[in-house]
Amino acid sequence: MPRRLIEFYFCLSLTAGWLPTAALADVIRVGGDDSFPPYEYVDDNGNVTGYNVDMTRAIAEVMGLDIEITLSSWSSMRSALDNGEMDVLQGMIASPERAKDYTFSPPSVIVNFSFFARSDDPEPNSLVDIRGKTVVVQREDIMHDYLRERDLGVRIVPVRTHYEALRQIAAGRFDYALGATLPSLYYSREYRLSNVESVWRPVQAQPYGYAVKKGNEDILALFSEGLAILKNTGQQQAIYDKWLGSLENPQSRDWRLVGIATGATSALLLFGLGLVVVWNRTLQRRVERQTEEVRKQQQQLIQADKMSSLGTLVSGVAHEINNPSGLILLNLPMLSDAWDDALPLLDRLYDSGRFDIAGLDYQRIRREIPYVISEMNEGAQRIRRIVNDLRDFARQEAKDTAVPINLNEVVATAARLLDVTIRGYTRHFSLTLDPYLPSMLGNAQRIEQVVVNLIINACQALPDDSRAVKVETRIHHASQRLVLVVQDEGVGIEPEALSSLTDPFYTTKRESGGTGLGLSVSAGIVTAYQGEMNFYSQPGEGTRVEVTFPWNHREETSVHE
């Protein structure tokens, strides 16, 4: 932002006489939710981060404020604001009921809300459908207020975070979770709650901004003015794009003309070459080719029948395992807490006289139980990962509607999600995206699953971090297909293993926890969208995976019309 513009706003505020100098001299205590990504949260390194955090720091910079940001549970932050331990909350939904106790700044963003349920449960169509049901909400969240203020005939279960609400739903303990859409989707994806999905949005989007307790409007004026400066200078939009905005990749439409001309030329060349090839082929070659095609088709039919039967089997197995494993994961923390609470009593009892538990001396049991609980938790987590892989494998066909998507955006998103993983395996990762790539028909989330799996496999094949992984997209004009290439400088693959890579349950990483379903699921997704996946590798020389998709001919037709 231009320095003169900042000075202008600052001087204007002083001249108007409402900017208190005391507020600039004191530390302003700013509070927020520690579990509300991407708006505000504490990351894995213990740092406060998110859209609200960046906005607050930018406002403090342009207004010359000294701030201290603290994130904790939302209910404790509301209490801290009420009793004066916090001066301002950086993210709070405005409502008429809350306006009786708080004053709000103009909104910096709008937040959407959704009902979440298990994917195999019926979806509600009206408020009548949720009567008699149990709804989990974040404690003291706006949706908690929403349900308390309305007689909807539901049982309200308040929990600390959106993640806890989704976890309860995934475990089958309650009917619905009601909360902010983006944080809920973030946690659903981060913790692989694959049996939970958004099913209904009966609540309209709500304004979200800064809030103070009645009587502290002078502090709120500072933040409102700073927010106005950020909006007028474009800084707010930049922060919004960083955390909440979809990636823009403006492309010129000249590529269509280039593609048409190149495609026409290539078609003519291929046609001429085809005539020469047909002219020179003998009848024997034709018979051999047709015989080979018939043999391949027979093998494909046999394989398809096997995959169909196997898919039905694993779908049933996954369903039966999912519920008990969810209960194990839900109850293990309570079992661990119960053991910790019982230890002081058992220690005092042992001091008064030795005794055994389960045929072993208490002191030995005392050392063993925490390891037993930890191993049980790790085993249950592995069961959950395998069940999710089984369910993905059983869902090989594209039942969702294929829509035009940008392959470049999908690949870039996958690379961002795997940034920490990639940096843990290699210091030489490159991403090359063709800027003239046309769209394709598919589902962005499912194609992203394929890209993530291929990049992880490439990273895990590297012997050390000095080896490289390269990812690129390009156009193959002759076949009118989009090409995704993932290439590594890893250990390579034995020739006899190449033909089995996409077979279900085939894996060379069984000892390290591989299930052999990743490439099988990926191959099924690629095939569902008329794509092809090919592997090229030699032991010690790395591996190259090429995935091709037809580009969106509907888009081409609409352009010419």
Protein backbone atom coordinates (compact mmCIF):
# COMPACT_ATOMS: atom_id res chain seq x y z
CA MET A 1 0.00 0.00 0.00
CA PRO A 2 1.34 3.49 -0.83
CA ARG A 3 2.84 5.10 2.27
CA ARG A 4 1.16 8.45 1.55
CA LEU A 5 -2.27 6.80 1.60
CA ILE A 6 -1.59 5.25 5.00
CA GLU A 7 -0.44 8.62 6.35
CA PHE A 8 -3.57 10.23 4.92
CA TYR A 9 -5.93 7.87 6.71
CA PHE A 10 -3.96 8.12 9.94
CA CYS A 11 -3.97 11.94 9.93
CA LEU A 12 -7.66 11.99 8.99
CA SER A 13 -8.48 9.83 12.02
CA LEU A 14 -6.51 12.11 14.37
CA THR A 15 -8.11 15.23 12.91
CA ALA A 16 -11.61 13.80 13.38
CA GLY A 17 -10.87 13.59 17.07
CA TRP A 18 -12.17 10.06 17.69
CA LEU A 19 -8.88 8.14 17.64
CA PRO A 20 -7.88 7.80 21.33
CA THR A 21 -4.17 8.19 21.95
CA ALA A 22 -4.43 5.96 25.00
CA ALA A 23 -5.47 3.06 22.79
CA LEU A 24 -2.30 3.49 20.73
CA ALA A 25 -0.11 3.52 23.81
CA ASP A 26 -1.61 0.39 25.44
CA VAL A 27 -1.52 -3.22 24.28
CA ILE A 28 -4.88 -4.20 22.80
CA ARG A 29 -5.79 -7.77 23.69
CA VAL A 30 -7.31 -9.56 20.69
CA GLY A 31 -8.94 -12.98 21.12
CA GLY A 32 -10.14 -15.68 18.76
CA ASP A 33 -10.99 -19.35 18.23
CA ASP A 34 -8.04 -21.77 18.16
CA SER A 35 -9.98 -24.32 16.04
CA PHE A 36 -11.74 -22.40 13.25
CA PRO A 37 -9.62 -22.91 10.09
CA PRO A 38 -9.03 -21.27 7.69
CA TYR A 39 -10.29 -18.17 9.50
CA GLU A 40 -8.24 -18.59 12.70
CA TYR A 41 -6.48 -21.52 14.33
CA VAL A 42 -3.28 -22.76 15.98
CA ASP A 43 -1.12 -24.73 13.52
CA ASP A 44 0.95 -27.85 14.18
CA ASN A 45 3.90 -25.69 15.28
CA GLY A 46 1.85 -23.84 17.89
CA ASN A 47 1.61 -20.61 15.85
CA VAL A 48 -1.58 -18.55 15.59
CA THR A 49 -2.52 -18.22 11.93
CA GLY A 50 -5.40 -17.80 9.48
CA TYR A 51 -7.36 -15.10 7.68
CA ASN A 52 -8.38 -13.24 10.86
CA VAL A 53 -4.82 -13.26 12.23
CA ASP A 54 -3.39 -11.76 9.04
CA MET A 55 -6.17 -9.14 8.94
CA THR A 56 -5.60 -8.14 12.59
CA ARG A 57 -1.85 -7.79 12.08
CA ALA A 58 -2.37 -5.73 8.92
CA ILE A 59 -4.82 -3.42 10.74
CA ALA A 60 -2.35 -3.02 13.60
CA GLU A 61 0.36 -2.05 11.12
CA VAL A 62 -1.65 0.60 9.27
CA MET A 63 -3.17 2.04 12.47
CA GLY A 64 0.01 1.93 14.58
CA LEU A 65 -1.52 -0.35 17.22
CA ASP A 66 0.27 -2.56 19.72
CA ILE A 67 -1.68 -5.84 19.83
CA GLU A 68 -1.49 -9.22 21.52
CA ILE A 69 -3.38 -12.09 19.83
CA THR A 70 -4.57 -15.05 21.91
CA LEU A 71 -6.47 -18.04 20.52
CA SER A 72 -8.30 -20.54 22.73
CA SER A 73 -11.66 -22.32 22.84
CA TRP A 74 -14.49 -20.17 21.50
CA SER A 75 -16.56 -20.37 24.69
CA SER A 76 -13.60 -19.25 26.84
CA MET A 77 -12.90 -16.35 24.46
CA ARG A 78 -16.50 -15.13 24.72
CA SER A 79 -16.23 -15.30 28.52
CA ALA A 80 -12.89 -13.44 28.39
CA LEU A 81 -14.53 -10.65 26.36
CA ASP A 82 -17.45 -10.49 28.79
CA ASN A 83 -15.25 -10.17 31.90
CA GLY A 84 -12.77 -7.73 30.36
CA GLU A 85 -9.83 -10.11 29.92
CA MET A 86 -10.04 -9.48 26.16
CA ASP A 87 -10.61 -6.12 24.49
CA VAL A 88 -11.85 -7.35 21.11
CA LEU A 89 -12.66 -10.62 19.33
CA GLN A 90 -11.31 -10.74 15.79
CA GLY A 91 -13.98 -13.06 14.41
CA MET A 92 -17.61 -13.04 15.58
CA ILE A 93 -20.92 -13.47 13.75
CA ALA A 94 -23.24 -10.51 14.21
CA SER A 95 -26.87 -11.14 15.19
CA PRO A 96 -29.72 -9.07 16.69
CA GLU A 97 -29.55 -11.07 19.94
CA ARG A 98 -25.78 -10.62 20.27
CA ALA A 99 -26.12 -6.91 19.48
CA LYS A 100 -27.69 -6.45 22.92
CA ASP A 101 -24.29 -7.15 24.55
CA TYR A 102 -21.74 -6.50 21.80
CA THR A 103 -20.95 -3.91 19.14
CA PHE A 104 -19.77 -5.13 15.73
CA SER A 105 -17.54 -3.71 13.01
CA PRO A 106 -18.51 -3.86 9.35
CA PRO A 107 -18.05 -7.50 8.23
CA SER A 108 -14.72 -8.51 6.72
CA VAL A 109 -16.16 -11.70 5.23
CA ILE A 110 -19.38 -13.71 4.99
CA VAL A 111 -19.58 -17.20 6.59
CA ASN A 112 -21.82 -20.05 5.38
CA PHE A 113 -23.27 -22.80 7.60
CA SER A 114 -24.33 -26.39 6.89
CA PHE A 115 -25.83 -29.47 8.46
CA PHE A 116 -23.47 -32.46 8.32
CA ALA A 117 -24.49 -36.12 8.59
CA ARG A 118 -23.19 -39.59 7.82
CA SER A 119 -23.26 -40.33 4.10
CA ASP A 120 -25.57 -43.34 4.56
CA ASP A 121 -28.19 -41.38 6.58
CA PRO A 122 -31.26 -39.73 5.00
CA GLU A 123 -30.88 -36.04 4.14
CA PRO A 124 -33.32 -33.57 5.77
CA ASN A 125 -35.42 -31.39 3.48
CA SER A 126 -37.01 -29.10 6.07
CA LEU A 127 -36.89 -28.19 9.75
CA VAL A 128 -39.68 -30.72 10.33
CA ASP A 129 -37.30 -33.54 9.37
CA ILE A 130 -34.91 -32.75 12.24
CA ARG A 131 -37.52 -32.78 15.01
CA GLY A 132 -36.65 -35.33 17.65
CA LYS A 133 -33.07 -35.57 16.35
CA THR A 134 -29.82 -34.79 18.17
CA VAL A 135 -27.73 -31.90 16.78
CA VAL A 136 -24.09 -31.32 17.80
CA VAL A 137 -22.82 -27.71 17.72
CA GLN A 138 -19.75 -25.80 18.87
CA ARG A 139 -20.36 -24.39 22.36
CA GLU A 140 -21.43 -20.70 22.31
CA ASP A 141 -21.12 -20.61 18.49
CA ILE A 142 -23.73 -18.65 16.51
CA MET A 143 -25.40 -21.96 15.57
CA HIS A 144 -25.62 -22.81 19.29
CA ASP A 145 -27.42 -19.48 19.73
CA TYR A 146 -29.56 -20.22 16.66
CA LEU A 147 -30.86 -23.51 18.05
CA ARG A 148 -31.38 -22.15 21.58
CA GLU A 149 -33.41 -19.19 20.29
CA ARG A 150 -35.77 -21.41 18.25
CA ASP A 151 -38.05 -24.19 19.36
CA LEU A 152 -37.11 -26.74 16.68
CA GLY A 153 -37.74 -29.82 18.79
CA VAL A 154 -34.12 -30.99 18.70
CA ARG A 155 -31.73 -32.07 21.43
CA ILE A 156 -28.66 -29.81 21.45
CA VAL A 157 -25.24 -31.29 22.27
CA PRO A 158 -22.56 -28.57 22.65
CA VAL A 159 -18.89 -29.54 22.13
CA ARG A 160 -15.59 -27.61 22.09
CA THR A 161 -14.79 -27.57 18.35
CA HIS A 162 -16.19 -28.28 14.90
CA TYR A 163 -13.86 -31.28 14.67
CA GLU A 164 -15.32 -32.80 17.84
CA ALA A 165 -18.82 -32.34 16.40
CA LEU A 166 -17.89 -34.12 13.15
CA ARG A 167 -16.08 -36.89 15.03
CA GLN A 168 -19.21 -37.62 17.07
CA ILE A 169 -21.26 -37.83 13.87
CA ALA A 170 -18.69 -40.07 12.15
CA ALA A 171 -18.77 -42.44 15.13
CA GLY A 172 -22.57 -42.69 14.88
CA ARG A 173 -23.30 -41.24 18.31
CA PHE A 174 -25.63 -38.42 17.15
CA ASP A 175 -27.74 -37.49 14.12
CA TYR A 176 -26.43 -34.17 12.79
CA ALA A 177 -23.71 -31.58 13.26
CA LEU A 178 -24.46 -27.90 12.53
CA GLY A 179 -21.60 -25.49 11.98
CA ALA A 180 -19.57 -23.26 9.67
CA THR A 181 -19.08 -24.92 6.30
CA LEU A 182 -15.40 -24.18 5.60
CA PRO A 183 -13.98 -25.25 9.01
CA SER A 184 -16.12 -28.40 8.94
CA LEU A 185 -14.95 -29.34 5.44
CA TYR A 186 -11.35 -28.63 6.47
CA TYR A 187 -11.53 -31.02 9.42
CA SER A 188 -13.45 -33.65 7.43
CA ARG A 189 -10.67 -33.71 4.88
CA GLU A 190 -7.74 -33.29 7.30
CA TYR A 191 -8.82 -36.23 9.46
CA ARG A 192 -10.28 -38.32 6.61
CA LEU A 193 -13.83 -38.46 7.94
CA SER A 194 -14.98 -40.02 4.68
CA ASN A 195 -18.39 -41.08 5.99
CA VAL A 196 -19.42 -37.49 6.86
CA GLU A 197 -20.73 -34.98 4.31
CA SER A 198 -22.61 -31.69 4.03
CA VAL A 199 -26.32 -32.45 3.51
CA TRP A 200 -28.32 -29.22 3.99
CA ARG A 201 -27.92 -25.42 4.22
CA PRO A 202 -31.07 -23.98 5.85
CA VAL A 203 -29.26 -21.01 7.45
CA GLN A 204 -28.35 -18.04 5.30
CA ALA A 205 -24.78 -16.72 5.17
CA GLN A 206 -23.87 -14.51 8.14
CA PRO A 207 -21.64 -11.36 8.48
CA TYR A 208 -18.34 -12.04 10.27
CA GLY A 209 -16.08 -9.37 11.73
CA TYR A 210 -14.67 -7.71 14.87
CA ALA A 211 -16.70 -7.38 18.07
CA VAL A 212 -16.31 -5.59 21.42
CA LYS A 213 -18.38 -5.48 24.56
CA LYS A 214 -20.80 -2.57 24.81
CA GLY A 215 -18.91 0.49 26.00
CA ASN A 216 -15.66 -0.26 24.16
CA GLU A 217 -16.70 1.35 20.88
CA ASP A 218 -13.54 3.49 20.86
CA ILE A 219 -11.38 0.39 20.37
CA LEU A 220 -13.79 -0.98 17.76
CA ALA A 221 -13.52 2.31 15.84
CA LEU A 222 -9.78 1.69 15.43
CA PHE A 223 -10.37 -1.72 13.88
CA SER A 224 -13.25 -0.50 11.72
CA GLU A 225 -11.09 2.30 10.34
CA GLY A 226 -8.19 -0.08 9.75
CA LEU A 227 -10.52 -2.49 7.98
CA ALA A 228 -11.75 0.31 5.72
CA ILE A 229 -8.15 1.20 4.84
CA LEU A 230 -7.33 -2.39 3.98
CA LYS A 231 -10.43 -2.69 1.78
CA ASN A 232 -9.76 0.57 -0.06
CA THR A 233 -6.10 -0.26 -0.71
CA GLY A 234 -6.63 -3.85 -1.80
CA GLN A 235 -4.80 -5.46 1.15
CA GLN A 236 -7.98 -7.10 2.45
CA GLN A 237 -8.59 -8.67 -0.97
CA ALA A 238 -5.03 -10.01 -1.05
CA ILE A 239 -5.45 -11.62 2.39
CA TYR A 240 -8.85 -12.98 1.35
CA ASP A 241 -7.38 -14.54 -1.79
CA LYS A 242 -4.56 -16.09 0.25
CA TRP A 243 -6.85 -17.89 2.68
CA LEU A 244 -10.32 -18.06 1.15
CA GLY A 245 -10.22 -17.13 -2.53
CA SER A 246 -10.10 -19.67 -5.36
CA LEU A 247 -6.98 -19.59 -7.50
CA GLU A 248 -7.32 -17.50 -10.59
CA ASN A 249 -5.48 -18.58 -13.67
CA PRO A 250 -6.51 -16.18 -16.41
CA GLN A 251 -5.87 -17.69 -19.79
CA SER A 252 -6.10 -16.25 -23.24
CA ARG A 253 -8.54 -17.94 -25.59
CA ASP A 254 -5.97 -17.84 -28.41
CA TRP A 255 -4.96 -21.39 -27.48
CA ARG A 256 -8.19 -22.61 -29.04
CA LEU A 257 -7.23 -21.21 -32.41
CA VAL A 258 -3.75 -22.66 -32.05
CA GLY A 259 -5.24 -26.00 -31.00
CA ILE A 260 -7.66 -26.06 -33.95
CA ALA A 261 -4.93 -25.28 -36.47
CA THR A 262 -2.47 -27.73 -34.94
CA GLY A 263 -5.15 -30.41 -34.59
CA ALA A 264 -6.22 -30.02 -38.23
CA THR A 265 -2.62 -30.26 -39.45
CA SER A 266 -1.94 -33.26 -37.26
CA ALA A 267 -5.14 -34.95 -38.44
CA LEU A 268 -4.11 -34.55 -42.09
CA LEU A 269 -0.65 -35.93 -41.40
CA LEU A 270 -2.05 -38.84 -39.44
CA PHE A 271 -4.58 -39.56 -42.18
CA GLY A 272 -1.86 -39.70 -44.82
CA LEU A 273 0.35 -41.83 -42.63
CA GLY A 274 -2.57 -44.15 -41.93
CA LEU A 275 -3.16 -44.69 -45.65
CA VAL A 276 0.47 -45.67 -46.14
CA VAL A 277 0.38 -48.04 -43.17
CA VAL A 278 -2.86 -49.70 -44.33
CA TRP A 279 -1.54 -50.04 -47.88
CA ASN A 280 1.63 -51.81 -46.72
CA ARG A 281 0.13 -54.14 -44.17
CA THR A 282 -0.44 -57.72 -45.15
CA LEU A 283 -3.45 -59.83 -44.44
CA GLN A 284 -1.40 -61.90 -42.00
CA ARG A 285 -0.58 -58.83 -39.91
CA ARG A 286 -4.26 -57.88 -39.84
CA VAL A 287 -5.28 -61.32 -38.67
CA GLU A 288 -2.61 -61.30 -35.97
CA ARG A 289 -3.71 -57.90 -34.74
CA GLN A 290 -7.38 -58.86 -34.63
CA THR A 291 -6.54 -62.08 -32.83
CA GLU A 292 -4.57 -60.16 -30.23
CA GLU A 293 -7.41 -57.67 -29.77
CA VAL A 294 -9.90 -60.48 -29.21
CA ARG A 295 -7.59 -62.02 -26.61
CA LYS A 296 -7.20 -58.68 -24.80
CA GLN A 297 -10.96 -58.10 -24.79
CA GLN A 298 -11.51 -61.52 -23.27
CA GLN A 299 -8.98 -60.74 -20.54
CA GLN A 300 -10.63 -57.37 -19.91
CA LEU A 301 -14.06 -59.01 -19.53
CA ILE A 302 -12.65 -61.57 -17.10
CA GLN A 303 -10.86 -58.83 -15.15
CA ALA A 304 -13.97 -56.62 -15.09
CA ASP A 305 -16.06 -59.48 -13.70
CA LYS A 306 -13.42 -60.16 -11.04
CA MET A 307 -13.27 -56.48 -10.08
CA SER A 308 -17.06 -56.23 -9.85
CA SER A 309 -17.27 -59.22 -7.51
CA LEU A 310 -14.31 -57.99 -5.47
CA GLY A 311 -15.80 -54.49 -5.22
CA THR A 312 -19.06 -55.88 -3.82
CA LEU A 313 -17.13 -57.95 -1.30
CA VAL A 314 -14.85 -55.17 -0.02
CA SER A 315 -17.75 -52.71 0.17
CA GLY A 316 -19.56 -55.03 2.57
CA VAL A 317 -16.41 -55.71 4.58
CA ALA A 318 -15.63 -51.99 4.88
CA HIS A 319 -19.15 -51.23 6.08
CA GLU A 320 -19.04 -53.94 8.75
CA ILE A 321 -15.60 -52.89 10.04
CA ASN A 322 -16.16 -49.12 10.02
CA ASN A 323 -18.63 -48.86 12.93
CA PRO A 324 -16.73 -51.02 15.49
CA SER A 325 -13.41 -49.40 14.60
CA GLY A 326 -15.01 -45.97 15.06
CA LEU A 327 -16.22 -46.99 18.51
CA ILE A 328 -12.71 -48.21 19.41
CA LEU A 329 -11.18 -44.86 18.39
CA LEU A 330 -13.87 -42.99 20.30
CA ASN A 331 -13.50 -45.01 23.53
CA LEU A 332 -9.71 -45.37 23.69
CA PRO A 333 -9.14 -41.76 24.92
CA MET A 334 -11.70 -42.33 27.70
CA LEU A 335 -9.98 -45.63 28.64
CA SER A 336 -6.61 -43.82 28.79
CA ASP A 337 -8.07 -41.05 30.98
CA ALA A 338 -9.67 -43.63 33.28
CA TRP A 339 -6.33 -45.42 33.74
CA ASP A 340 -4.56 -42.13 34.49
CA ASP A 341 -7.21 -41.24 37.08
CA ALA A 342 -6.96 -44.67 38.74
CA LEU A 343 -3.15 -44.65 39.05
CA PRO A 344 -2.92 -42.60 42.31
CA LEU A 345 -5.41 -44.95 44.03
CA LEU A 346 -3.61 -48.06 42.81
CA ASP A 347 -0.22 -46.64 43.84
CA ARG A 348 -1.45 -46.02 47.40
CA LEU A 349 -2.98 -49.49 47.54
CA TYR A 350 0.31 -51.04 46.34
CA ASP A 351 2.25 -49.12 49.01
CA SER A 352 0.17 -50.84 51.67
CA GLY A 353 0.74 -54.30 50.18
CA ARG A 354 1.84 -55.86 46.88
CA PHE A 355 -0.83 -57.27 44.56
CA ASP A 356 -1.21 -58.62 41.01
CA ILE A 357 -3.41 -57.58 38.11
CA ALA A 358 -4.14 -60.10 35.35
CA GLY A 359 -1.58 -62.45 36.90
CA LEU A 360 1.24 -59.89 36.75
CA ASP A 361 2.75 -57.67 39.42
CA TYR A 362 1.09 -54.25 39.56
CA GLN A 363 4.37 -52.37 38.89
CA ARG A 364 4.81 -54.25 35.61
CA ILE A 365 1.20 -53.69 34.62
CA ARG A 366 1.64 -49.98 35.45
CA ARG A 367 4.45 -49.76 32.87
CA GLU A 368 2.74 -51.90 30.23
CA ILE A 369 -0.79 -50.45 30.10
CA PRO A 370 0.14 -47.08 28.45
CA TYR A 371 2.02 -48.95 25.70
CA VAL A 372 -0.92 -51.34 25.24
CA ILE A 373 -3.37 -48.43 24.86
CA SER A 374 -1.01 -46.64 22.44
CA GLU A 375 -0.62 -49.77 20.31
CA MET A 376 -4.39 -50.27 20.28
CA ASN A 377 -4.88 -46.69 19.08
CA GLU A 378 -2.29 -47.11 16.31
CA GLY A 379 -3.91 -50.37 15.23
CA ALA A 380 -7.38 -48.79 15.14
CA GLN A 381 -6.05 -45.84 13.11
CA ARG A 382 -4.57 -48.29 10.60
CA ILE A 383 -7.89 -50.16 10.42
CA ARG A 384 -9.63 -46.86 9.66
CA ARG A 385 -7.15 -46.03 6.87
CA ILE A 386 -7.58 -49.49 5.34
CA VAL A 387 -11.39 -49.24 5.55
CA ASN A 388 -11.30 -45.86 3.77
CA ASP A 389 -9.09 -47.37 1.05
CA LEU A 390 -11.49 -50.30 0.70
CA ARG A 391 -14.48 -47.99 0.36
CA ASP A 392 -12.68 -45.89 -2.25
CA PHE A 393 -11.79 -49.06 -4.17
CA ALA A 394 -15.41 -50.28 -4.08
CA ARG A 395 -16.53 -46.87 -5.43
CA GLN A 396 -14.60 -47.16 -8.72
CA GLU A 397 -17.29 -45.88 -11.08
CA ALA A 398 -17.87 -42.14 -11.53
CA LYS A 399 -21.35 -41.80 -10.03
CA ASP A 400 -20.91 -38.06 -9.57
CA THR A 401 -21.57 -35.68 -12.45
CA ALA A 402 -18.53 -34.81 -14.55
CA VAL A 403 -18.13 -31.04 -14.90
CA PRO A 404 -15.50 -28.90 -16.66
CA ILE A 405 -12.42 -28.60 -14.44
CA ASN A 406 -8.95 -27.10 -14.82
CA LEU A 407 -6.32 -29.85 -14.49
CA ASN A 408 -3.65 -27.23 -13.67
CA GLU A 409 -5.63 -26.02 -10.63
CA VAL A 410 -6.17 -29.58 -9.43
CA VAL A 411 -2.44 -30.42 -9.72
CA ALA A 412 -1.39 -27.15 -8.05
CA THR A 413 -3.80 -27.77 -5.14
CA ALA A 414 -2.46 -31.30 -4.65
CA ALA A 415 1.13 -29.99 -4.61
CA ARG A 416 0.20 -27.36 -1.99
CA LEU A 417 -1.47 -29.96 0.23
CA LEU A 418 1.65 -32.16 0.05
CA ASP A 419 4.17 -29.35 0.55
CA VAL A 420 5.40 -30.59 3.94
CA THR A 421 5.50 -34.21 2.75
CA ILE A 422 7.42 -33.30 -0.41
CA ARG A 423 10.01 -31.24 1.48
CA GLY A 424 10.53 -34.21 3.81
CA TYR A 425 11.60 -36.43 0.90
CA THR A 426 13.36 -34.19 -1.63
CA ARG A 427 15.08 -30.83 -2.04
CA HIS A 428 14.43 -30.87 -5.79
CA PHE A 429 10.73 -30.73 -6.59
CA SER A 430 9.55 -28.99 -9.77
CA LEU A 431 6.04 -28.21 -10.99
CA THR A 432 5.58 -27.19 -14.65
CA LEU A 433 2.03 -26.35 -15.78
CA ASP A 434 1.10 -25.64 -19.40
CA PRO A 435 -0.65 -22.21 -19.27
CA TYR A 436 -2.75 -23.03 -22.39
CA LEU A 437 -4.24 -26.23 -21.04
CA PRO A 438 -7.94 -26.57 -21.98
CA SER A 439 -10.49 -27.87 -19.49
CA MET A 440 -11.51 -31.50 -19.06
CA LEU A 441 -14.64 -33.23 -17.77
CA GLY A 442 -14.33 -34.81 -14.33
CA ASN A 443 -14.57 -34.37 -10.59
CA ALA A 444 -11.80 -32.17 -9.16
CA GLN A 445 -11.70 -33.93 -5.78
CA ARG A 446 -11.36 -37.42 -7.30
CA ILE A 447 -8.70 -36.35 -9.83
CA GLU A 448 -6.84 -34.61 -6.98
CA GLN A 449 -6.86 -37.96 -5.14
CA VAL A 450 -5.04 -39.51 -8.12
CA VAL A 451 -2.42 -36.72 -8.23
CA VAL A 452 -1.79 -36.92 -4.48
CA ASN A 453 -1.29 -40.68 -4.67
CA LEU A 454 1.16 -40.44 -7.59
CA ILE A 455 3.24 -37.68 -5.95
CA ILE A 456 3.42 -39.57 -2.63
CA ASN A 457 4.50 -42.77 -4.42
CA ALA A 458 7.18 -40.81 -6.31
CA CYS A 459 8.51 -39.27 -3.09
CA GLN A 460 8.58 -42.59 -1.27
CA ALA A 461 10.62 -44.14 -4.10
CA LEU A 462 13.55 -41.72 -3.55
CA PRO A 463 16.60 -43.15 -1.76
CA ASP A 464 17.57 -39.70 -0.39
CA ASP A 465 16.52 -36.04 -0.59
CA SER A 466 19.11 -35.19 -3.27
CA ARG A 467 16.98 -36.98 -5.90
CA ALA A 468 14.30 -35.07 -7.77
CA VAL A 469 10.56 -35.37 -8.42
CA LYS A 470 9.09 -33.58 -11.45
CA VAL A 471 5.40 -32.95 -12.16
CA GLU A 472 4.17 -31.38 -15.39
CA THR A 473 1.07 -30.93 -17.53
CA ARG A 474 0.95 -30.53 -21.29
CA ILE A 475 -1.27 -30.97 -24.34
CA HIS A 476 -0.97 -33.84 -26.83
CA HIS A 477 -2.63 -32.22 -29.82
CA ALA A 478 -2.57 -35.25 -32.09
CA SER A 479 -4.76 -37.28 -29.74
CA GLN A 480 -6.57 -34.22 -28.29
CA ARG A 481 -5.70 -35.31 -24.77
CA LEU A 482 -4.29 -33.65 -21.68
CA VAL A 483 -1.16 -35.25 -20.26
CA LEU A 484 -0.09 -35.35 -16.60
CA VAL A 485 3.46 -36.64 -15.98
CA VAL A 486 4.88 -37.54 -12.54
CA GLN A 487 8.55 -38.54 -12.78
CA ASP A 488 10.99 -39.48 -10.03
CA GLU A 489 14.68 -40.32 -9.77
CA GLY A 490 13.97 -43.18 -7.39
CA VAL A 491 14.86 -46.84 -7.18
CA GLY A 492 12.70 -47.85 -10.14
CA ILE A 493 10.45 -50.89 -10.62
CA GLU A 494 11.29 -54.43 -11.68
CA PRO A 495 9.91 -55.27 -15.18
CA GLU A 496 7.84 -58.20 -13.90
CA ALA A 497 6.08 -55.91 -11.39
CA LEU A 498 4.96 -53.23 -13.91
CA SER A 499 1.94 -55.18 -15.13
CA SER A 500 0.65 -55.71 -11.56
CA LEU A 501 0.94 -52.15 -10.22
CA THR A 502 -2.78 -51.38 -10.47
CA ASP A 503 -3.97 -54.79 -9.26
CA PRO A 504 -5.87 -54.50 -5.96
CA PHE A 505 -3.88 -55.47 -2.87
CA TYR A 506 -0.61 -55.72 -4.81
CA THR A 507 2.11 -53.70 -3.06
CA THR A 508 5.89 -53.67 -2.68
CA LYS A 509 5.54 -51.69 0.59
CA ARG A 510 3.69 -54.24 2.73
CA GLU A 511 6.29 -54.02 5.50
CA SER A 512 5.87 -50.23 5.77
CA GLY A 513 2.08 -50.34 5.97
CA GLY A 514 1.03 -50.32 2.29
CA THR A 515 -2.36 -51.89 1.46
CA GLY A 516 -1.99 -52.14 -2.31
CA LEU A 517 -5.16 -50.14 -2.99
CA GLY A 518 -3.79 -46.66 -3.81
CA LEU A 519 -2.90 -47.23 -7.48
CA SER A 520 -5.89 -49.53 -7.96
CA VAL A 521 -8.28 -46.81 -6.77
CA SER A 522 -6.41 -44.20 -8.86
CA ALA A 523 -6.59 -46.37 -11.99
CA GLY A 524 -10.34 -46.81 -11.45
CA ILE A 525 -10.86 -43.04 -11.15
CA VAL A 526 -8.78 -42.35 -14.28
CA THR A 527 -10.70 -44.96 -16.29
CA ALA A 528 -14.05 -43.55 -15.09
CA TYR A 529 -13.23 -40.28 -16.89
CA GLN A 530 -12.02 -41.95 -20.12
CA GLY A 531 -8.40 -41.58 -19.06
CA GLU A 532 -5.37 -43.84 -19.31
CA MET A 533 -2.50 -44.46 -16.88
CA ASN A 534 0.85 -45.85 -18.09
CA PHE A 535 4.07 -46.66 -16.20
CA TYR A 536 7.64 -46.54 -17.55
CA SER A 537 10.47 -47.66 -15.30
CA GLN A 538 13.78 -49.49 -15.01
CA PRO A 539 15.43 -50.62 -11.76
CA GLY A 540 17.77 -47.89 -10.52
CA GLU A 541 16.63 -45.38 -13.18
CA GLY A 542 13.47 -43.96 -11.65
CA THR A 543 9.84 -44.12 -12.77
CA ARG A 544 7.68 -42.03 -15.08
CA VAL A 545 3.88 -42.17 -14.83
CA GLU A 546 1.81 -40.66 -17.64
CA VAL A 547 -1.90 -40.03 -17.16
CA THR A 548 -3.94 -38.77 -20.10
CA PHE A 549 -7.50 -37.43 -20.31
CA PRO A 550 -9.60 -36.23 -23.27
CA TRP A 551 -10.05 -32.51 -23.19
CA ASN A 552 -13.50 -30.95 -22.91
CA HIS A 553 -14.95 -31.06 -26.43
CA ARG A 554 -18.18 -29.49 -25.19
CA GLU A 555 -16.18 -26.33 -24.53
CA GLU A 556 -14.70 -26.49 -28.02
CA THR A 557 -18.17 -26.86 -29.56
CA SER A 558 -19.61 -23.95 -27.59
CA VAL A 559 -16.71 -21.71 -28.69
CA HIS A 560 -17.25 -22.43 -32.38
CA GLU A 561 -21.02 -21.95 -32.09
